[in-house]
């Protein structure tokens, strides 16, 4: 267990339920999603992360159904900021418009509390904020009010949706009274995470890291001829993402040991950063859950291994970028 904030302790391997509730990583029945949440808790996971926008509250409702009976034994993070009344994001992975006026945000908090079946959100995160949101004094005044009223224990921002948002993260940590920042960071995608982690140390901000396996590449099972399922959102990435990623991962195979898988090594690399309290691997099934939770008992990377990783990253892993950036993964057959 690790301290996310002075009064919030979390398991270092968390469970982000977007994998099983959004339909972007394959389809799960409600029963399957509930079962995987319960299996995660039984395996020792205590931090569960969701968002109001995950199928218009479905993610929060599944979390409540699965773990409402052990509410006092878990830490819940959820996110707000998108307009659930807009259908702009109803097709595929299109981003909805934000809606962050105080009246709307107040309703969003009450709606999340109702769906989660609780009277307090442990970590309430502004979802993928832009600079304008971070400069809104009224919005951040409301966040502090929600804490004072006991509806929220910790305020946070979840940076994204892409790897960037460096300036937003730095600005928020340096100008706002934030408890936690949620970011993307992994061996293959180290920037802007390095700058954000350094700023978190300076400002005493807790850190949640998602995508520790670079959207599955660092799990170590993908190959150049991998065909992703029809409803997997990664099919819409350039084919070069897969081809270059597989080559990079092959150069990291030295991290595999008899007592540590590559997937576990990727998690240990993230967790070895000062200030990172918990990480959210994408968990698709019980076997993967067991492997990733097992990272807590796996050996840390040695100084030599970390230096080798740093050298490979600085050299782009020695991979020449693919020329065909437009051929999509769904065309692989």
C-alpha atoms as a PDB file:
ATOM      1  CA  UNK A   1       0.000   0.000   0.000  1.00  0.00           C
ATOM      2  CA  UNK A   2       1.118   3.546  -0.763  1.00  0.00           C
ATOM      3  CA  UNK A   3       0.107   7.055   0.205  1.00  0.00           C
ATOM      4  CA  UNK A   4      -1.670   8.921  -2.580  1.00  0.00           C
ATOM      5  CA  UNK A   5      -2.352  11.845  -0.252  1.00  0.00           C
ATOM      6  CA  UNK A   6      -1.561  12.177   3.453  1.00  0.00           C
ATOM      7  CA  UNK A   7      -4.932  10.609   4.329  1.00  0.00           C
ATOM      8  CA  UNK A   8      -5.596   8.329   1.336  1.00  0.00           C
ATOM      9  CA  UNK A   9      -3.786   5.012   1.031  1.00  0.00           C
ATOM     10  CA  UNK A  10      -4.063   2.918  -2.153  1.00  0.00           C
ATOM     11  CA  UNK A  11      -2.839  -0.355  -3.605  1.00  0.00           C
ATOM     12  CA  UNK A  12       0.061   0.216  -5.972  1.00  0.00           C
ATOM     13  CA  UNK A  13      -1.790  -1.734  -8.665  1.00  0.00           C
ATOM     14  CA  UNK A  14      -5.176  -0.177  -9.284  1.00  0.00           C
ATOM     15  CA  UNK A  15      -8.117  -1.086 -11.497  1.00  0.00           C
ATOM     16  CA  UNK A  16      -9.298   1.344 -14.169  1.00  0.00           C
ATOM     17  CA  UNK A  17     -12.708   0.166 -15.270  1.00  0.00           C
ATOM     18  CA  UNK A  18     -12.771   1.874 -18.672  1.00  0.00           C
ATOM     19  CA  UNK A  19     -11.381  -1.368 -20.113  1.00  0.00           C
ATOM     20  CA  UNK A  20     -14.513  -3.308 -19.185  1.00  0.00           C
ATOM     21  CA  UNK A  21     -17.222  -0.631 -19.307  1.00  0.00           C
ATOM     22  CA  UNK A  22     -16.659   1.558 -22.387  1.00  0.00           C
ATOM     23  CA  UNK A  23     -16.700  -1.010 -25.209  1.00  0.00           C
ATOM     24  CA  UNK A  24     -13.361   0.279 -26.510  1.00  0.00           C
ATOM     25  CA  UNK A  25     -11.450  -2.854 -25.479  1.00  0.00           C
ATOM     26  CA  UNK A  26     -14.025  -5.414 -26.499  1.00  0.00           C
ATOM     27  CA  UNK A  27     -17.493  -6.074 -25.156  1.00  0.00           C
ATOM     28  CA  UNK A  28     -18.124  -7.225 -21.596  1.00  0.00           C
ATOM     29  CA  UNK A  29     -21.485  -8.114 -20.156  1.00  0.00           C
ATOM     30  CA  UNK A  30     -22.412  -6.344 -16.955  1.00  0.00           C
ATOM     31  CA  UNK A  31     -21.960  -9.630 -15.111  1.00  0.00           C
ATOM     32  CA  UNK A  32     -18.464 -10.096 -16.549  1.00  0.00           C
ATOM     33  CA  UNK A  33     -17.478  -6.534 -15.641  1.00  0.00           C
ATOM     34  CA  UNK A  34     -18.823  -6.878 -12.108  1.00  0.00           C
ATOM     35  CA  UNK A  35     -17.017 -10.192 -11.697  1.00  0.00           C
ATOM     36  CA  UNK A  36     -13.657  -8.763 -12.731  1.00  0.00           C
ATOM     37  CA  UNK A  37     -14.034  -5.884 -10.256  1.00  0.00           C
ATOM     38  CA  UNK A  38     -14.708  -8.366  -7.465  1.00  0.00           C
ATOM     39  CA  UNK A  39     -11.781 -10.546  -8.519  1.00  0.00           C
ATOM     40  CA  UNK A  40      -9.526  -7.479  -8.389  1.00  0.00           C
ATOM     41  CA  UNK A  41     -10.658  -6.659  -4.861  1.00  0.00           C
ATOM     42  CA  UNK A  42     -10.149 -10.263  -3.777  1.00  0.00           C
ATOM     43  CA  UNK A  43      -6.624 -10.077  -5.223  1.00  0.00           C
ATOM     44  CA  UNK A  44      -5.778  -7.078  -3.060  1.00  0.00           C
ATOM     45  CA  UNK A  45      -6.660  -4.120  -5.283  1.00  0.00           C
ATOM     46  CA  UNK A  46      -8.114  -1.238  -3.274  1.00  0.00           C
ATOM     47  CA  UNK A  47      -8.030   1.650  -5.786  1.00  0.00           C
ATOM     48  CA  UNK A  48     -10.738   1.670  -8.458  1.00  0.00           C
ATOM     49  CA  UNK A  49     -10.912   4.393 -11.104  1.00  0.00           C
ATOM     50  CA  UNK A  50     -13.844   5.273 -13.347  1.00  0.00           C
ATOM     51  CA  UNK A  51     -15.490   8.325 -14.946  1.00  0.00           C
ATOM     52  CA  UNK A  52     -18.949   9.758 -15.411  1.00  0.00           C
ATOM     53  CA  UNK A  53     -18.494   9.695 -19.181  1.00  0.00           C
ATOM     54  CA  UNK A  54     -17.827   5.937 -19.367  1.00  0.00           C
ATOM     55  CA  UNK A  55     -21.005   4.986 -21.212  1.00  0.00           C
ATOM     56  CA  UNK A  56     -22.905   7.804 -19.565  1.00  0.00           C
ATOM     57  CA  UNK A  57     -22.443   6.615 -16.003  1.00  0.00           C
ATOM     58  CA  UNK A  58     -22.323   2.879 -16.705  1.00  0.00           C
ATOM     59  CA  UNK A  59     -18.768   2.629 -15.361  1.00  0.00           C
ATOM     60  CA  UNK A  60     -19.770   4.187 -12.050  1.00  0.00           C
ATOM     61  CA  UNK A  61     -22.865   2.003 -11.750  1.00  0.00           C
ATOM     62  CA  UNK A  62     -20.887  -1.187 -12.382  1.00  0.00           C
ATOM     63  CA  UNK A  63     -18.347  -0.198  -9.750  1.00  0.00           C
ATOM     64  CA  UNK A  64     -21.122   0.408  -7.235  1.00  0.00           C
ATOM     65  CA  UNK A  65     -22.812  -2.911  -7.998  1.00  0.00           C
ATOM     66  CA  UNK A  66     -19.554  -4.820  -7.728  1.00  0.00           C
ATOM     67  CA  UNK A  67     -18.083  -3.255  -4.607  1.00  0.00           C
ATOM     68  CA  UNK A  68     -20.814  -1.353  -2.798  1.00  0.00           C
ATOM     69  CA  UNK A  69     -20.668  -3.924  -0.019  1.00  0.00           C
ATOM     70  CA  UNK A  70     -17.007  -3.143   0.683  1.00  0.00           C
ATOM     71  CA  UNK A  71     -17.179   0.624   0.158  1.00  0.00           C
ATOM     72  CA  UNK A  72     -15.209   1.348   3.345  1.00  0.00           C
ATOM     73  CA  UNK A  73     -12.361  -0.888   2.170  1.00  0.00           C
ATOM     74  CA  UNK A  74     -11.747   0.735  -1.237  1.00  0.00           C
ATOM     75  CA  UNK A  75     -10.723   4.083  -2.660  1.00  0.00           C
ATOM     76  CA  UNK A  76     -12.833   5.393  -5.539  1.00  0.00           C
ATOM     77  CA  UNK A  77     -11.625   7.810  -8.176  1.00  0.00           C
ATOM     78  CA  UNK A  78     -14.029   9.210 -10.722  1.00  0.00           C
ATOM     79  CA  UNK A  79     -13.875  12.021 -13.260  1.00  0.00           C
ATOM     80  CA  UNK A  80     -16.075  14.899 -14.382  1.00  0.00           C
ATOM     81  CA  UNK A  81     -16.105  17.712 -16.902  1.00  0.00           C
ATOM     82  CA  UNK A  82     -17.688  16.315 -20.062  1.00  0.00           C
ATOM     83  CA  UNK A  83     -21.222  17.150 -21.153  1.00  0.00           C
ATOM     84  CA  UNK A  84     -23.164  13.901 -20.852  1.00  0.00           C
ATOM     85  CA  UNK A  85     -26.150  15.502 -22.580  1.00  0.00           C
ATOM     86  CA  UNK A  86     -24.159  15.921 -25.791  1.00  0.00           C
ATOM     87  CA  UNK A  87     -24.132  13.084 -28.335  1.00  0.00           C
ATOM     88  CA  UNK A  88     -20.910  14.359 -29.958  1.00  0.00           C
ATOM     89  CA  UNK A  89     -18.955  11.455 -28.501  1.00  0.00           C
ATOM     90  CA  UNK A  90     -21.542   8.757 -29.039  1.00  0.00           C
ATOM     91  CA  UNK A  91     -19.762   7.291 -32.053  1.00  0.00           C
ATOM     92  CA  UNK A  92     -16.352   5.708 -31.644  1.00  0.00           C
ATOM     93  CA  UNK A  93     -13.772   7.561 -29.585  1.00  0.00           C
ATOM     94  CA  UNK A  94     -14.778  11.087 -30.478  1.00  0.00           C
ATOM     95  CA  UNK A  95     -14.370  13.487 -27.603  1.00  0.00           C
ATOM     96  CA  UNK A  96     -17.468  15.129 -26.171  1.00  0.00           C
ATOM     97  CA  UNK A  97     -17.515  18.866 -25.420  1.00  0.00           C
ATOM     98  CA  UNK A  98     -16.675  19.911 -21.880  1.00  0.00           C
ATOM     99  CA  UNK A  99     -19.193  21.545 -19.576  1.00  0.00           C
ATOM    100  CA  UNK A 100     -17.590  23.043 -16.494  1.00  0.00           C
ATOM    101  CA  UNK A 101     -19.804  25.885 -15.274  1.00  0.00           C
ATOM    102  CA  UNK A 102     -20.350  25.565 -11.542  1.00  0.00           C
ATOM    103  CA  UNK A 103     -24.038  24.653 -11.747  1.00  0.00           C
ATOM    104  CA  UNK A 104     -23.301  21.794 -14.165  1.00  0.00           C
ATOM    105  CA  UNK A 105     -20.341  20.564 -12.156  1.00  0.00           C
ATOM    106  CA  UNK A 106     -22.376  20.585  -8.948  1.00  0.00           C
ATOM    107  CA  UNK A 107     -25.046  18.436 -10.628  1.00  0.00           C
ATOM    108  CA  UNK A 108     -22.336  16.152 -12.018  1.00  0.00           C
ATOM    109  CA  UNK A 109     -20.967  15.546  -8.531  1.00  0.00           C
ATOM    110  CA  UNK A 110     -24.366  14.685  -7.120  1.00  0.00           C
ATOM    111  CA  UNK A 111     -25.068  12.405 -10.092  1.00  0.00           C
ATOM    112  CA  UNK A 112     -21.763  10.571  -9.607  1.00  0.00           C
ATOM    113  CA  UNK A 113     -22.417  10.130  -5.892  1.00  0.00           C
ATOM    114  CA  UNK A 114     -25.829   8.669  -6.685  1.00  0.00           C
ATOM    115  CA  UNK A 115     -24.508   6.262  -9.332  1.00  0.00           C
ATOM    116  CA  UNK A 116     -21.632   5.202  -7.086  1.00  0.00           C
ATOM    117  CA  UNK A 117     -23.965   4.687  -4.144  1.00  0.00           C
ATOM    118  CA  UNK A 118     -21.769   6.693  -1.805  1.00  0.00           C
ATOM    119  CA  UNK A 119     -21.730  10.024  -0.015  1.00  0.00           C
ATOM    120  CA  UNK A 120     -18.126  10.904  -0.857  1.00  0.00           C
ATOM    121  CA  UNK A 121     -15.792  10.615  -3.842  1.00  0.00           C
ATOM    122  CA  UNK A 122     -12.269   9.879  -2.662  1.00  0.00           C
ATOM    123  CA  UNK A 123     -10.461  11.311  -5.716  1.00  0.00           C
ATOM    124  CA  UNK A 124     -12.496  13.637  -7.948  1.00  0.00           C
ATOM    125  CA  UNK A 125     -10.712  14.394 -11.201  1.00  0.00           C
ATOM    126  CA  UNK A 126     -11.311  17.091 -13.822  1.00  0.00           C
ATOM    127  CA  UNK A 127     -11.261  14.991 -16.979  1.00  0.00           C
ATOM    128  CA  UNK A 128      -8.802  15.995 -19.728  1.00  0.00           C
ATOM    129  CA  UNK A 129      -8.775  19.730 -18.896  1.00  0.00           C
ATOM    130  CA  UNK A 130      -7.598  22.458 -21.234  1.00  0.00           C
ATOM    131  CA  UNK A 131      -5.830  25.604 -20.062  1.00  0.00           C
ATOM    132  CA  UNK A 132      -9.052  27.596 -19.941  1.00  0.00           C
ATOM    133  CA  UNK A 133     -10.548  25.182 -17.422  1.00  0.00           C
ATOM    134  CA  UNK A 134      -7.476  25.465 -15.225  1.00  0.00           C
ATOM    135  CA  UNK A 135      -7.746  29.255 -15.168  1.00  0.00           C
ATOM    136  CA  UNK A 136     -11.398  29.204 -14.060  1.00  0.00           C
ATOM    137  CA  UNK A 137     -11.410  30.542 -10.495  1.00  0.00           C
ATOM    138  CA  UNK A 138     -15.098  29.769 -10.018  1.00  0.00           C
ATOM    139  CA  UNK A 139     -14.580  26.124 -10.942  1.00  0.00           C
ATOM    140  CA  UNK A 140     -11.658  25.640  -8.587  1.00  0.00           C
ATOM    141  CA  UNK A 141     -13.483  27.522  -5.869  1.00  0.00           C
ATOM    142  CA  UNK A 142     -16.284  24.971  -6.162  1.00  0.00           C
ATOM    143  CA  UNK A 143     -13.798  22.091  -5.909  1.00  0.00           C
ATOM    144  CA  UNK A 144     -12.545  23.442  -2.607  1.00  0.00           C
ATOM    145  CA  UNK A 145     -16.140  23.932  -1.449  1.00  0.00           C
ATOM    146  CA  UNK A 146     -16.916  20.289  -2.289  1.00  0.00           C
ATOM    147  CA  UNK A 147     -13.963  19.232  -0.125  1.00  0.00           C
ATOM    148  CA  UNK A 148     -15.078  21.467   2.715  1.00  0.00           C
ATOM    149  CA  UNK A 149     -18.568  19.955   2.563  1.00  0.00           C
ATOM    150  CA  UNK A 150     -17.154  16.427   2.740  1.00  0.00           C
ATOM    151  CA  UNK A 151     -18.388  15.329  -0.675  1.00  0.00           C
ATOM    152  CA  UNK A 152     -14.841  15.012  -2.004  1.00  0.00           C
ATOM    153  CA  UNK A 153     -11.688  13.934  -0.190  1.00  0.00           C
ATOM    154  CA  UNK A 154      -9.069  14.859  -2.821  1.00  0.00           C
ATOM    155  CA  UNK A 155      -9.227  17.057  -5.910  1.00  0.00           C
ATOM    156  CA  UNK A 156      -7.330  16.093  -9.047  1.00  0.00           C
ATOM    157  CA  UNK A 157      -6.897  16.469 -12.773  1.00  0.00           C
ATOM    158  CA  UNK A 158      -6.652  13.558 -15.217  1.00  0.00           C
ATOM    159  CA  UNK A 159      -4.473  14.701 -18.114  1.00  0.00           C
ATOM    160  CA  UNK A 160      -5.126  13.590 -21.656  1.00  0.00           C
ATOM    161  CA  UNK A 161      -6.671  12.254 -23.774  1.00  0.00           C
ATOM    162  CA  UNK A 162      -3.393  11.959 -25.666  1.00  0.00           C
ATOM    163  CA  UNK A 163       0.101  11.679 -24.249  1.00  0.00           C
ATOM    164  CA  UNK A 164       0.608  15.463 -24.079  1.00  0.00           C
ATOM    165  CA  UNK A 165      -0.887  18.290 -21.991  1.00  0.00           C
ATOM    166  CA  UNK A 166       2.470  19.086 -20.407  1.00  0.00           C
ATOM    167  CA  UNK A 167       1.776  22.806 -20.035  1.00  0.00           C
ATOM    168  CA  UNK A 168      -1.660  22.193 -18.535  1.00  0.00           C
ATOM    169  CA  UNK A 169      -0.285  19.788 -15.946  1.00  0.00           C
ATOM    170  CA  UNK A 170       2.587  22.051 -14.926  1.00  0.00           C
ATOM    171  CA  UNK A 171       0.317  25.089 -14.727  1.00  0.00           C
ATOM    172  CA  UNK A 172      -2.244  23.268 -12.604  1.00  0.00           C
ATOM    173  CA  UNK A 173       0.284  21.945 -10.107  1.00  0.00           C
ATOM    174  CA  UNK A 174       1.968  25.314  -9.736  1.00  0.00           C
ATOM    175  CA  UNK A 175      -1.118  27.530  -9.499  1.00  0.00           C
ATOM    176  CA  UNK A 176      -3.933  25.394  -8.066  1.00  0.00           C
ATOM    177  CA  UNK A 177      -4.450  23.635  -4.767  1.00  0.00           C
ATOM    178  CA  UNK A 178      -4.506  20.131  -6.244  1.00  0.00           C
ATOM    179  CA  UNK A 179      -4.012  16.916  -4.310  1.00  0.00           C
ATOM    180  CA  UNK A 180      -3.432  14.513  -7.223  1.00  0.00           C
ATOM    181  CA  UNK A 181      -2.473  14.436 -10.898  1.00  0.00           C
ATOM    182  CA  UNK A 182      -3.371  11.490 -13.145  1.00  0.00           C
ATOM    183  CA  UNK A 183      -1.104  11.092 -16.180  1.00  0.00           C
ATOM    184  CA  UNK A 184       0.179   8.743 -18.860  1.00  0.00           C
ATOM    185  CA  UNK A 185       3.717   7.434 -18.371  1.00  0.00           C
ATOM    186  CA  UNK A 186       5.508   4.287 -19.480  1.00  0.00           C
ATOM    187  CA  UNK A 187       8.847   3.031 -20.793  1.00  0.00           C
ATOM    188  CA  UNK A 188       7.939   3.787 -24.412  1.00  0.00           C
ATOM    189  CA  UNK A 189       6.229   7.138 -23.693  1.00  0.00           C
ATOM    190  CA  UNK A 190       8.320   8.967 -21.115  1.00  0.00           C
ATOM    191  CA  UNK A 191       7.512  12.529 -22.118  1.00  0.00           C
ATOM    192  CA  UNK A 192       6.001  14.762 -20.900  1.00  0.00           C
ATOM    193  CA  UNK A 193       5.692  12.474 -17.880  1.00  0.00           C
ATOM    194  CA  UNK A 194       9.235  13.174 -16.751  1.00  0.00           C
ATOM    195  CA  UNK A 195       8.515  16.900 -16.446  1.00  0.00           C
ATOM    196  CA  UNK A 196       5.189  16.279 -14.734  1.00  0.00           C
ATOM    197  CA  UNK A 197       6.676  13.855 -12.209  1.00  0.00           C
ATOM    198  CA  UNK A 198       9.423  16.361 -11.384  1.00  0.00           C
ATOM    199  CA  UNK A 199       6.806  19.090 -10.838  1.00  0.00           C
ATOM    200  CA  UNK A 200       4.775  16.754  -8.627  1.00  0.00           C
ATOM    201  CA  UNK A 201       7.813  16.287  -6.386  1.00  0.00           C
ATOM    202  CA  UNK A 202       8.249  20.064  -6.164  1.00  0.00           C
ATOM    203  CA  UNK A 203       4.591  20.675  -5.307  1.00  0.00           C
ATOM    204  CA  UNK A 204       3.980  17.575  -3.155  1.00  0.00           C
ATOM    205  CA  UNK A 205       1.271  16.315  -5.517  1.00  0.00           C
ATOM    206  CA  UNK A 206       0.209  12.664  -5.502  1.00  0.00           C
ATOM    207  CA  UNK A 207       0.448  10.760  -8.783  1.00  0.00           C
ATOM    208  CA  UNK A 208      -1.718   8.177 -10.533  1.00  0.00           C
ATOM    209  CA  UNK A 209      -0.219   6.692 -13.709  1.00  0.00           C
ATOM    210  CA  UNK A 210      -2.310   5.078 -16.416  1.00  0.00           C
ATOM    211  CA  UNK A 211      -1.313   3.279 -19.650  1.00  0.00           C
ATOM    212  CA  UNK A 212       1.808   1.756 -18.022  1.00  0.00           C
ATOM    213  CA  UNK A 213       1.947  -0.819 -20.850  1.00  0.00           C
ATOM    214  CA  UNK A 214       1.688   1.701 -23.707  1.00  0.00           C
ATOM    215  CA  UNK A 215      -1.759   0.492 -24.771  1.00  0.00           C
ATOM    216  CA  UNK A 216      -0.740  -3.152 -24.532  1.00  0.00           C
ATOM    217  CA  UNK A 217       2.633  -3.140 -26.284  1.00  0.00           C
ATOM    218  CA  UNK A 218       4.611  -3.636 -23.073  1.00  0.00           C
ATOM    219  CA  UNK A 219       2.499  -6.614 -22.083  1.00  0.00           C
ATOM    220  CA  UNK A 220       4.836  -8.358 -24.510  1.00  0.00           C
ATOM    221  CA  UNK A 221       2.341 -10.402 -26.525  1.00  0.00           C
ATOM    222  CA  UNK A 222       1.847  -8.332 -29.683  1.00  0.00           C
ATOM    223  CA  UNK A 223       3.550  -9.213 -32.961  1.00  0.00           C
ATOM    224  CA  UNK A 224       3.791  -7.537 -36.343  1.00  0.00           C
ATOM    225  CA  UNK A 225       0.939  -9.713 -37.621  1.00  0.00           C
ATOM    226  CA  UNK A 226      -1.326  -9.202 -34.599  1.00  0.00           C
ATOM    227  CA  UNK A 227      -4.950  -8.604 -35.603  1.00  0.00           C
ATOM    228  CA  UNK A 228      -6.955  -6.691 -33.025  1.00  0.00           C
ATOM    229  CA  UNK A 229     -10.662  -7.389 -32.418  1.00  0.00           C
ATOM    230  CA  UNK A 230     -13.198  -5.448 -34.465  1.00  0.00           C
ATOM    231  CA  UNK A 231     -14.346  -3.316 -31.529  1.00  0.00           C
ATOM    232  CA  UNK A 232     -10.853  -2.585 -30.165  1.00  0.00           C
ATOM    233  CA  UNK A 233     -10.143   1.154 -30.417  1.00  0.00           C
ATOM    234  CA  UNK A 234      -6.476   0.488 -31.220  1.00  0.00           C
ATOM    235  CA  UNK A 235      -7.487  -0.684 -34.697  1.00  0.00           C
ATOM    236  CA  UNK A 236      -7.826   2.975 -35.627  1.00  0.00           C
ATOM    237  CA  UNK A 237      -4.181   3.731 -34.948  1.00  0.00           C
ATOM    238  CA  UNK A 238      -1.623   3.908 -37.749  1.00  0.00           C
ATOM    239  CA  UNK A 239      -0.152   0.525 -38.597  1.00  0.00           C
ATOM    240  CA  UNK A 240       3.238   2.062 -37.822  1.00  0.00           C
ATOM    241  CA  UNK A 241       2.235   2.181 -34.142  1.00  0.00           C
ATOM    242  CA  UNK A 242       2.184  -1.615 -34.036  1.00  0.00           C
ATOM    243  CA  UNK A 243       5.202  -2.248 -36.266  1.00  0.00           C
ATOM    244  CA  UNK A 244       7.463   0.238 -34.501  1.00  0.00           C
ATOM    245  CA  UNK A 245       6.141  -0.724 -31.081  1.00  0.00           C
ATOM    246  CA  UNK A 246       6.865  -4.408 -31.545  1.00  0.00           C
ATOM    247  CA  UNK A 247      10.439  -3.609 -32.584  1.00  0.00           C
ATOM    248  CA  UNK A 248      10.943  -1.434 -29.508  1.00  0.00           C
ATOM    249  CA  UNK A 249       9.562  -4.087 -27.194  1.00  0.00           C
ATOM    250  CA  UNK A 250      11.971  -6.688 -28.599  1.00  0.00           C
ATOM    251  CA  UNK A 251      14.827  -4.469 -27.438  1.00  0.00           C
ATOM    252  CA  UNK A 252      13.373  -4.580 -23.930  1.00  0.00           C
ATOM    253  CA  UNK A 253      13.213  -8.354 -23.607  1.00  0.00           C
ATOM    254  CA  UNK A 254      16.235  -8.275 -21.292  1.00  0.00           C
ATOM    255  CA  UNK A 255      13.810  -7.115 -18.585  1.00  0.00           C
ATOM    256  CA  UNK A 256      12.126 -10.542 -18.570  1.00  0.00           C
ATOM    257  CA  UNK A 257      13.380 -12.906 -15.861  1.00  0.00           C
ATOM    258  CA  UNK A 258      12.237 -16.164 -14.381  1.00  0.00           C
ATOM    259  CA  UNK A 259      10.772 -14.180 -11.476  1.00  0.00           C
ATOM    260  CA  UNK A 260       9.395 -11.221 -13.493  1.00  0.00           C
ATOM    261  CA  UNK A 261       7.454 -10.939 -16.733  1.00  0.00           C
ATOM    262  CA  UNK A 262       7.920  -8.049 -19.134  1.00  0.00           C
ATOM    263  CA  UNK A 263       4.487  -6.757 -18.135  1.00  0.00           C
ATOM    264  CA  UNK A 264       5.513  -6.802 -14.484  1.00  0.00           C
ATOM    265  CA  UNK A 265       8.813  -5.088 -15.273  1.00  0.00           C
ATOM    266  CA  UNK A 266       6.925  -2.291 -17.041  1.00  0.00           C
ATOM    267  CA  UNK A 267       4.802  -1.797 -13.921  1.00  0.00           C
ATOM    268  CA  UNK A 268       7.822  -1.828 -11.612  1.00  0.00           C
ATOM    269  CA  UNK A 269       9.529   0.775 -13.836  1.00  0.00           C
ATOM    270  CA  UNK A 270       6.546   3.113 -13.355  1.00  0.00           C
ATOM    271  CA  UNK A 271       6.157   2.432  -9.640  1.00  0.00           C
ATOM    272  CA  UNK A 272       9.846   3.013  -8.939  1.00  0.00           C
ATOM    273  CA  UNK A 273       9.376   6.738  -9.699  1.00  0.00           C
ATOM    274  CA  UNK A 274       9.207   8.876  -6.571  1.00  0.00           C
ATOM    275  CA  UNK A 275       5.705  10.145  -5.951  1.00  0.00           C
ATOM    276  CA  UNK A 276       3.842   7.553  -8.019  1.00  0.00           C
ATOM    277  CA  UNK A 277       1.342   5.975  -5.647  1.00  0.00           C
ATOM    278  CA  UNK A 278      -0.581   3.683  -7.987  1.00  0.00           C
ATOM    279  CA  UNK A 279      -0.801   2.634 -11.619  1.00  0.00           C
ATOM    280  CA  UNK A 280      -3.716   1.470 -13.737  1.00  0.00           C
ATOM    281  CA  UNK A 281      -2.852  -1.307 -16.192  1.00  0.00           C
ATOM    282  CA  UNK A 282      -5.543  -2.318 -18.651  1.00  0.00           C
ATOM    283  CA  UNK A 283      -6.947  -5.534 -17.207  1.00  0.00           C
ATOM    284  CA  UNK A 284      -8.972  -7.713 -19.581  1.00  0.00           C
ATOM    285  CA  UNK A 285      -9.280 -11.019 -17.693  1.00  0.00           C
ATOM    286  CA  UNK A 286      -8.415 -12.876 -14.495  1.00  0.00           C
ATOM    287  CA  UNK A 287      -5.099 -14.263 -15.793  1.00  0.00           C
ATOM    288  CA  UNK A 288      -3.905 -10.764 -16.612  1.00  0.00           C
ATOM    289  CA  UNK A 289      -5.172  -9.487 -13.275  1.00  0.00           C
ATOM    290  CA  UNK A 290      -3.099 -12.103 -11.458  1.00  0.00           C
ATOM    291  CA  UNK A 291       0.015 -11.254 -13.470  1.00  0.00           C
ATOM    292  CA  UNK A 292      -0.243  -7.528 -12.892  1.00  0.00           C
ATOM    293  CA  UNK A 293      -1.129  -7.736  -9.201  1.00  0.00           C
ATOM    294  CA  UNK A 294       1.894 -10.032  -8.942  1.00  0.00           C
ATOM    295  CA  UNK A 295       4.091  -7.093  -9.941  1.00  0.00           C
ATOM    296  CA  UNK A 296       3.968  -5.955  -6.308  1.00  0.00           C
ATOM    297  CA  UNK A 297       6.079  -8.977  -5.369  1.00  0.00           C
ATOM    298  CA  UNK A 298       8.305  -8.872  -8.473  1.00  0.00           C
ATOM    299  CA  UNK A 299      11.875  -7.555  -8.226  1.00  0.00           C
ATOM    300  CA  UNK A 300      12.527  -3.907  -8.951  1.00  0.00           C
ATOM    301  CA  UNK A 301      14.657  -3.097 -11.963  1.00  0.00           C
ATOM    302  CA  UNK A 302      18.352  -2.952 -11.163  1.00  0.00           C
ATOM    303  CA  UNK A 303      20.312   0.259 -11.641  1.00  0.00           C
ATOM    304  CA  UNK A 304      21.930  -1.306 -14.705  1.00  0.00           C
ATOM    305  CA  UNK A 305      18.554  -2.228 -16.196  1.00  0.00           C
ATOM    306  CA  UNK A 306      17.207   1.268 -15.637  1.00  0.00           C
ATOM    307  CA  UNK A 307      20.277   2.775 -17.268  1.00  0.00           C
ATOM    308  CA  UNK A 308      19.850   0.481 -20.270  1.00  0.00           C
ATOM    309  CA  UNK A 309      16.216   1.532 -20.580  1.00  0.00           C
ATOM    310  CA  UNK A 310      17.203   5.209 -20.401  1.00  0.00           C
ATOM    311  CA  UNK A 311      19.814   4.720 -23.117  1.00  0.00           C
ATOM    312  CA  UNK A 312      17.377   2.914 -25.393  1.00  0.00           C
ATOM    313  CA  UNK A 313      14.767   5.639 -24.960  1.00  0.00           C
ATOM    314  CA  UNK A 314      17.290   8.367 -25.743  1.00  0.00           C
ATOM    315  CA  UNK A 315      18.186   6.512 -28.951  1.00  0.00           C
ATOM    316  CA  UNK A 316      14.572   5.949 -29.979  1.00  0.00           C
ATOM    317  CA  UNK A 317      15.136   2.240 -29.306  1.00  0.00           C
ATOM    318  CA  UNK A 318      17.098   2.165 -32.561  1.00  0.00           C
ATOM    319  CA  UNK A 319      13.868   1.914 -34.561  1.00  0.00           C
ATOM    320  CA  UNK A 320      13.511   3.613 -37.938  1.00  0.00           C
ATOM    321  CA  UNK A 321      10.007   5.135 -38.231  1.00  0.00           C
ATOM    322  CA  UNK A 322       7.681   3.384 -40.642  1.00  0.00           C
ATOM    323  CA  UNK A 323       7.013   5.362 -43.832  1.00  0.00           C
ATOM    324  CA  UNK A 324       3.404   4.246 -44.224  1.00  0.00           C
ATOM    325  CA  UNK A 325       1.699   6.301 -41.528  1.00  0.00           C
ATOM    326  CA  UNK A 326      -1.777   6.106 -43.046  1.00  0.00           C
ATOM    327  CA  UNK A 327      -2.315   2.364 -43.321  1.00  0.00           C
ATOM    328  CA  UNK A 328      -4.600   1.487 -40.432  1.00  0.00           C
ATOM    329  CA  UNK A 329      -4.353  -1.527 -38.184  1.00  0.00           C
ATOM    330  CA  UNK A 330      -7.795  -2.702 -39.211  1.00  0.00           C
ATOM    331  CA  UNK A 331      -6.342  -3.387 -42.672  1.00  0.00           C
ATOM    332  CA  UNK A 332      -3.958  -6.015 -41.280  1.00  0.00           C
ATOM    333  CA  UNK A 333      -5.055  -9.511 -42.302  1.00  0.00           C
END
